[in-house]
Amino acid sequence: AEYPVVTAEKGGGTVAVTIPKAGAVVPAPG
């Protein structure tokens, strides 16, 4: 890690989502 001394660390995590093909908009021509 780093100096001088590390005595605390944040908690890691992930927020993951999928923008699905199902239900996606079909754009108008042009």
PDB file of all heavy atoms in Angstrom:
ATOM      1  N   ALA A   1       0.857  -1.193   0.000  1.00  0.00           N
ATOM      2  CA  ALA A   1       0.000   0.000   0.000  1.00  0.00           C
ATOM      3  C   ALA A   1       0.892   1.242   0.000  1.00  0.00           C
ATOM      4  O   ALA A   1       1.632   1.479  -0.957  1.00  0.00           O
ATOM      5  CB  ALA A   1      -0.958  -0.021   1.196  1.00  0.00           C
ATOM      6  N   GLU A   2       0.834   2.021   1.068  1.00  0.00           N
ATOM      7  CA  GLU A   2       1.583   3.266   1.081  1.00  0.00           C
ATOM      8  C   GLU A   2       2.008   3.637   2.487  1.00  0.00           C
ATOM      9  O   GLU A   2       1.600   3.033   3.474  1.00  0.00           O
ATOM     10  CB  GLU A   2       0.768   4.390   0.447  1.00  0.00           C
ATOM     11  CG  GLU A   2      -0.543   4.692   1.135  1.00  0.00           C
ATOM     12  CD  GLU A   2      -1.405   5.639   0.316  1.00  0.00           C
ATOM     13  OE1 GLU A   2      -1.860   5.251  -0.782  1.00  0.00           O
ATOM     14  OE2 GLU A   2      -1.628   6.762   0.781  1.00  0.00           O
ATOM     15  N   TYR A   3       2.853   4.631   2.553  1.00  0.00           N
ATOM     16  CA  TYR A   3       3.335   5.185   3.819  1.00  0.00           C
ATOM     17  C   TYR A   3       2.427   6.334   4.259  1.00  0.00           C
ATOM     18  O   TYR A   3       1.652   6.848   3.464  1.00  0.00           O
ATOM     19  CB  TYR A   3       4.755   5.727   3.647  1.00  0.00           C
ATOM     20  CG  TYR A   3       5.801   4.700   3.311  1.00  0.00           C
ATOM     21  CD1 TYR A   3       6.387   4.660   2.043  1.00  0.00           C
ATOM     22  CD2 TYR A   3       6.216   3.771   4.258  1.00  0.00           C
ATOM     23  CE1 TYR A   3       7.361   3.728   1.729  1.00  0.00           C
ATOM     24  CE2 TYR A   3       7.198   2.829   3.955  1.00  0.00           C
ATOM     25  CZ  TYR A   3       7.757   2.816   2.693  1.00  0.00           C
ATOM     26  OH  TYR A   3       8.719   1.888   2.387  1.00  0.00           O
ATOM     27  N   PRO A   4       2.477   6.767   5.527  1.00  0.00           N
ATOM     28  CA  PRO A   4       3.385   6.273   6.572  1.00  0.00           C
ATOM     29  C   PRO A   4       2.988   4.886   7.106  1.00  0.00           C
ATOM     30  O   PRO A   4       3.807   3.978   7.108  1.00  0.00           O
ATOM     31  CB  PRO A   4       3.299   7.328   7.675  1.00  0.00           C
ATOM     32  CG  PRO A   4       2.743   8.550   7.019  1.00  0.00           C
ATOM     33  CD  PRO A   4       1.840   8.048   5.935  1.00  0.00           C
ATOM     34  N   VAL A   5       1.760   4.692   7.564  1.00  0.00           N
ATOM     35  CA  VAL A   5       1.253   3.403   8.023  1.00  0.00           C
ATOM     36  C   VAL A   5      -0.239   3.369   7.707  1.00  0.00           C
ATOM     37  O   VAL A   5      -0.958   4.328   8.008  1.00  0.00           O
ATOM     38  CB  VAL A   5       1.457   3.194   9.540  1.00  0.00           C
ATOM     39  CG1 VAL A   5       0.867   1.852   9.976  1.00  0.00           C
ATOM     40  CG2 VAL A   5       2.933   3.267   9.916  1.00  0.00           C
ATOM     41  N   VAL A   6      -0.711   2.287   7.125  1.00  0.00           N
ATOM     42  CA  VAL A   6      -2.132   2.147   6.801  1.00  0.00           C
ATOM     43  C   VAL A   6      -2.801   1.293   7.865  1.00  0.00           C
ATOM     44  O   VAL A   6      -2.463   0.121   8.034  1.00  0.00           O
ATOM     45  CB  VAL A   6      -2.328   1.508   5.415  1.00  0.00           C
ATOM     46  CG1 VAL A   6      -3.807   1.271   5.141  1.00  0.00           C
ATOM     47  CG2 VAL A   6      -1.717   2.383   4.334  1.00  0.00           C
ATOM     48  N   THR A   7      -3.756   1.892   8.574  1.00  0.00           N
ATOM     49  CA  THR A   7      -4.481   1.164   9.619  1.00  0.00           C
ATOM     50  C   THR A   7      -5.958   0.993   9.291  1.00  0.00           C
ATOM     51  O   THR A   7      -6.706   0.469  10.113  1.00  0.00           O
ATOM     52  CB  THR A   7      -4.344   1.888  10.971  1.00  0.00           C
ATOM     53  OG1 THR A   7      -4.870   3.226  10.850  1.00  0.00           O
ATOM     54  CG2 THR A   7      -2.892   1.956  11.430  1.00  0.00           C
ATOM     55  N   ALA A   8      -6.386   1.428   8.117  1.00  0.00           N
ATOM     56  CA  ALA A   8      -7.790   1.269   7.723  1.00  0.00           C
ATOM     57  C   ALA A   8      -7.878   1.172   6.209  1.00  0.00           C
ATOM     58  O   ALA A   8      -7.135   1.841   5.486  1.00  0.00           O
ATOM     59  CB  ALA A   8      -8.641   2.427   8.228  1.00  0.00           C
ATOM     60  N   GLU A   9      -8.780   0.315   5.731  1.00  0.00           N
ATOM     61  CA  GLU A   9      -9.002   0.120   4.312  1.00  0.00           C
ATOM     62  C   GLU A   9     -10.499   0.110   4.022  1.00  0.00           C
ATOM     63  O   GLU A   9     -11.276  -0.498   4.769  1.00  0.00           O
ATOM     64  CB  GLU A   9      -8.415  -1.226   3.860  1.00  0.00           C
ATOM     65  CG  GLU A   9      -6.923  -1.355   4.093  1.00  0.00           C
ATOM     66  CD  GLU A   9      -6.417  -2.765   3.818  1.00  0.00           C
ATOM     67  OE1 GLU A   9      -7.247  -3.663   3.531  1.00  0.00           O
ATOM     68  OE2 GLU A   9      -5.188  -2.968   3.903  1.00  0.00           O
ATOM     69  N   LYS A  10     -10.880   0.780   2.965  1.00  0.00           N
ATOM     70  CA  LYS A  10     -12.282   0.745   2.562  1.00  0.00           C
ATOM     71  C   LYS A  10     -12.676  -0.673   2.126  1.00  0.00           C
ATOM     72  O   LYS A  10     -11.822  -1.484   1.757  1.00  0.00           O
ATOM     73  CB  LYS A  10     -12.535   1.725   1.420  1.00  0.00           C
ATOM     74  CG  LYS A  10     -12.383   3.187   1.826  1.00  0.00           C
ATOM     75  CD  LYS A  10     -12.554   4.115   0.634  1.00  0.00           C
ATOM     76  CE  LYS A  10     -12.365   5.571   1.036  1.00  0.00           C
ATOM     77  NZ  LYS A  10     -12.446   6.494  -0.117  1.00  0.00           N
ATOM     78  N   GLY A  11     -13.964  -0.934   2.167  1.00  0.00           N
ATOM     79  CA  GLY A  11     -14.480  -2.205   1.685  1.00  0.00           C
ATOM     80  C   GLY A  11     -14.748  -2.134   0.192  1.00  0.00           C
ATOM     81  O   GLY A  11     -15.422  -1.217  -0.277  1.00  0.00           O
ATOM     82  N   GLY A  12     -14.219  -3.090  -0.542  1.00  0.00           N
ATOM     83  CA  GLY A  12     -14.428  -3.110  -1.983  1.00  0.00           C
ATOM     84  C   GLY A  12     -15.776  -3.711  -2.350  1.00  0.00           C
ATOM     85  O   GLY A  12     -16.453  -4.323  -1.520  1.00  0.00           O
ATOM     86  N   GLY A  13     -16.156  -3.523  -3.578  1.00  0.00           N
ATOM     87  CA  GLY A  13     -17.416  -4.098  -4.031  1.00  0.00           C
ATOM     88  C   GLY A  13     -17.679  -3.784  -5.485  1.00  0.00           C
ATOM     89  O   GLY A  13     -16.911  -3.068  -6.139  1.00  0.00           O
ATOM     90  N   THR A  14     -18.771  -4.334  -5.998  1.00  0.00           N
ATOM     91  CA  THR A  14     -19.135  -4.156  -7.404  1.00  0.00           C
ATOM     92  C   THR A  14     -20.639  -4.000  -7.531  1.00  0.00           C
ATOM     93  O   THR A  14     -21.402  -4.695  -6.850  1.00  0.00           O
ATOM     94  CB  THR A  14     -18.681  -5.361  -8.245  1.00  0.00           C
ATOM     95  OG1 THR A  14     -17.265  -5.533  -8.119  1.00  0.00           O
ATOM     96  CG2 THR A  14     -19.030  -5.163  -9.716  1.00  0.00           C
ATOM     97  N   VAL A  15     -21.049  -3.095  -8.387  1.00  0.00           N
ATOM     98  CA  VAL A  15     -22.433  -3.007  -8.834  1.00  0.00           C
ATOM     99  C   VAL A  15     -22.406  -3.283 -10.333  1.00  0.00           C
ATOM    100  O   VAL A  15     -21.868  -2.495 -11.108  1.00  0.00           O
ATOM    101  CB  VAL A  15     -23.051  -1.628  -8.545  1.00  0.00           C
ATOM    102  CG1 VAL A  15     -24.458  -1.542  -9.130  1.00  0.00           C
ATOM    103  CG2 VAL A  15     -23.063  -1.345  -7.050  1.00  0.00           C
ATOM    104  N   ALA A  16     -22.943  -4.432 -10.730  1.00  0.00           N
ATOM    105  CA  ALA A  16     -22.916  -4.820 -12.140  1.00  0.00           C
ATOM    106  C   ALA A  16     -24.348  -5.033 -12.636  1.00  0.00           C
ATOM    107  O   ALA A  16     -25.147  -5.695 -11.971  1.00  0.00           O
ATOM    108  CB  ALA A  16     -22.104  -6.096 -12.332  1.00  0.00           C
ATOM    109  N   VAL A  17     -24.653  -4.459 -13.779  1.00  0.00           N
ATOM    110  CA  VAL A  17     -25.970  -4.634 -14.401  1.00  0.00           C
ATOM    111  C   VAL A  17     -25.767  -4.888 -15.880  1.00  0.00           C
ATOM    112  O   VAL A  17     -24.754  -4.471 -16.466  1.00  0.00           O
ATOM    113  CB  VAL A  17     -26.880  -3.400 -14.199  1.00  0.00           C
ATOM    114  CG1 VAL A  17     -27.048  -3.068 -12.724  1.00  0.00           C
ATOM    115  CG2 VAL A  17     -26.333  -2.193 -14.962  1.00  0.00           C
ATOM    116  N   THR A  18     -26.729  -5.554 -16.477  1.00  0.00           N
ATOM    117  CA  THR A  18     -26.705  -5.775 -17.921  1.00  0.00           C
ATOM    118  C   THR A  18     -27.849  -5.016 -18.574  1.00  0.00           C
ATOM    119  O   THR A  18     -29.007  -5.132 -18.152  1.00  0.00           O
ATOM    120  CB  THR A  18     -26.844  -7.269 -18.258  1.00  0.00           C
ATOM    121  OG1 THR A  18     -25.732  -7.970 -17.699  1.00  0.00           O
ATOM    122  CG2 THR A  18     -26.878  -7.490 -19.763  1.00  0.00           C
ATOM    123  N   ILE A  19     -27.504  -4.207 -19.574  1.00  0.00           N
ATOM    124  CA  ILE A  19     -28.523  -3.607 -20.440  1.00  0.00           C
ATOM    125  C   ILE A  19     -28.865  -4.686 -21.468  1.00  0.00           C
ATOM    126  O   ILE A  19     -28.041  -5.018 -22.330  1.00  0.00           O
ATOM    127  CB  ILE A  19     -28.002  -2.343 -21.144  1.00  0.00           C
ATOM    128  CG1 ILE A  19     -27.353  -1.378 -20.140  1.00  0.00           C
ATOM    129  CG2 ILE A  19     -29.119  -1.670 -21.917  1.00  0.00           C
ATOM    130  CD1 ILE A  19     -28.272  -0.792 -19.124  1.00  0.00           C
ATOM    131  N   PRO A  20     -30.049  -5.277 -21.380  1.00  0.00           N
ATOM    132  CA  PRO A  20     -30.321  -6.485 -22.177  1.00  0.00           C
ATOM    133  C   PRO A  20     -30.757  -6.187 -23.606  1.00  0.00           C
ATOM    134  O   PRO A  20     -31.345  -5.141 -23.894  1.00  0.00           O
ATOM    135  CB  PRO A  20     -31.442  -7.146 -21.392  1.00  0.00           C
ATOM    136  CG  PRO A  20     -32.177  -6.007 -20.757  1.00  0.00           C
ATOM    137  CD  PRO A  20     -31.151  -4.949 -20.449  1.00  0.00           C
ATOM    138  N   LYS A  21     -30.485  -7.168 -24.470  1.00  0.00           N
ATOM    139  CA  LYS A  21     -30.992  -7.080 -25.835  1.00  0.00           C
ATOM    140  C   LYS A  21     -32.507  -7.214 -25.856  1.00  0.00           C
ATOM    141  O   LYS A  21     -33.181  -6.547 -26.651  1.00  0.00           O
ATOM    142  CB  LYS A  21     -30.348  -8.166 -26.699  1.00  0.00           C
ATOM    143  CG  LYS A  21     -28.865  -7.971 -26.965  1.00  0.00           C
ATOM    144  CD  LYS A  21     -28.302  -9.090 -27.820  1.00  0.00           C
ATOM    145  CE  LYS A  21     -26.822  -8.883 -28.097  1.00  0.00           C
ATOM    146  NZ  LYS A  21     -26.250 -10.008 -28.891  1.00  0.00           N
ATOM    147  N   ALA A  22     -33.005  -8.082 -24.995  1.00  0.00           N
ATOM    148  CA  ALA A  22     -34.455  -8.273 -24.915  1.00  0.00           C
ATOM    149  C   ALA A  22     -35.103  -6.976 -24.447  1.00  0.00           C
ATOM    150  O   ALA A  22     -34.759  -6.431 -23.396  1.00  0.00           O
ATOM    151  CB  ALA A  22     -34.787  -9.408 -23.949  1.00  0.00           C
ATOM    152  N   GLY A  23     -36.012  -6.459 -25.228  1.00  0.00           N
ATOM    153  CA  GLY A  23     -36.694  -5.227 -24.861  1.00  0.00           C
ATOM    154  C   GLY A  23     -36.005  -3.967 -25.317  1.00  0.00           C
ATOM    155  O   GLY A  23     -36.509  -2.861 -25.081  1.00  0.00           O
ATOM    156  N   ALA A  24     -34.835  -4.095 -25.955  1.00  0.00           N
ATOM    157  CA  ALA A  24     -34.140  -2.898 -26.429  1.00  0.00           C
ATOM    158  C   ALA A  24     -34.938  -2.225 -27.548  1.00  0.00           C
ATOM    159  O   ALA A  24     -35.650  -2.876 -28.320  1.00  0.00           O
ATOM    160  CB  ALA A  24     -32.750  -3.261 -26.929  1.00  0.00           C
ATOM    161  N   VAL A  25     -34.806  -0.930 -27.639  1.00  0.00           N
ATOM    162  CA  VAL A  25     -35.521  -0.141 -28.638  1.00  0.00           C
ATOM    163  C   VAL A  25     -34.951  -0.411 -30.031  1.00  0.00           C
ATOM    164  O   VAL A  25     -33.729  -0.535 -30.212  1.00  0.00           O
ATOM    165  CB  VAL A  25     -35.403   1.360 -28.292  1.00  0.00           C
ATOM    166  CG1 VAL A  25     -35.876   2.222 -29.465  1.00  0.00           C
ATOM    167  CG2 VAL A  25     -36.202   1.677 -27.042  1.00  0.00           C
ATOM    168  N   VAL A  26     -35.823  -0.509 -31.008  1.00  0.00           N
ATOM    169  CA  VAL A  26     -35.416  -0.571 -32.410  1.00  0.00           C
ATOM    170  C   VAL A  26     -35.564   0.837 -32.986  1.00  0.00           C
ATOM    171  O   VAL A  26     -36.684   1.362 -33.064  1.00  0.00           O
ATOM    172  CB  VAL A  26     -36.267  -1.564 -33.210  1.00  0.00           C
ATOM    173  CG1 VAL A  26     -35.855  -1.536 -34.676  1.00  0.00           C
ATOM    174  CG2 VAL A  26     -36.130  -2.964 -32.632  1.00  0.00           C
ATOM    175  N   PRO A  27     -34.482   1.499 -33.345  1.00  0.00           N
ATOM    176  CA  PRO A  27     -34.575   2.893 -33.808  1.00  0.00           C
ATOM    177  C   PRO A  27     -35.392   3.026 -35.086  1.00  0.00           C
ATOM    178  O   PRO A  27     -35.458   2.101 -35.905  1.00  0.00           O
ATOM    179  CB  PRO A  27     -33.109   3.281 -34.048  1.00  0.00           C
ATOM    180  CG  PRO A  27     -32.302   2.257 -33.318  1.00  0.00           C
ATOM    181  CD  PRO A  27     -33.101   1.001 -33.328  1.00  0.00           C
ATOM    182  N   ALA A  28     -35.989   4.162 -35.244  1.00  0.00           N
ATOM    183  CA  ALA A  28     -36.721   4.462 -36.485  1.00  0.00           C
ATOM    184  C   ALA A  28     -35.734   4.553 -37.647  1.00  0.00           C
ATOM    185  O   ALA A  28     -34.570   4.918 -37.461  1.00  0.00           O
ATOM    186  CB  ALA A  28     -37.480   5.775 -36.325  1.00  0.00           C
ATOM    187  N   PRO A  29     -36.167   4.214 -38.838  1.00  0.00           N
ATOM    188  CA  PRO A  29     -35.272   4.298 -40.004  1.00  0.00           C
ATOM    189  C   PRO A  29     -34.660   5.693 -40.142  1.00  0.00           C
ATOM    190  O   PRO A  29     -35.363   6.700 -40.067  1.00  0.00           O
ATOM    191  CB  PRO A  29     -36.198   3.977 -41.177  1.00  0.00           C
ATOM    192  CG  PRO A  29     -37.289   3.141 -40.572  1.00  0.00           C
ATOM    193  CD  PRO A  29     -37.504   3.715 -39.199  1.00  0.00           C
ATOM    194  N   GLY A  30     -33.336   5.731 -40.283  1.00  0.00           N
ATOM    195  CA  GLY A  30     -32.633   6.992 -40.457  1.00  0.00           C
ATOM    196  C   GLY A  30     -32.319   7.723 -39.171  1.00  0.00           C
ATOM    197  O   GLY A  30     -31.617   8.749 -39.195  1.00  0.00           O
TER     198      GLY A  30
END
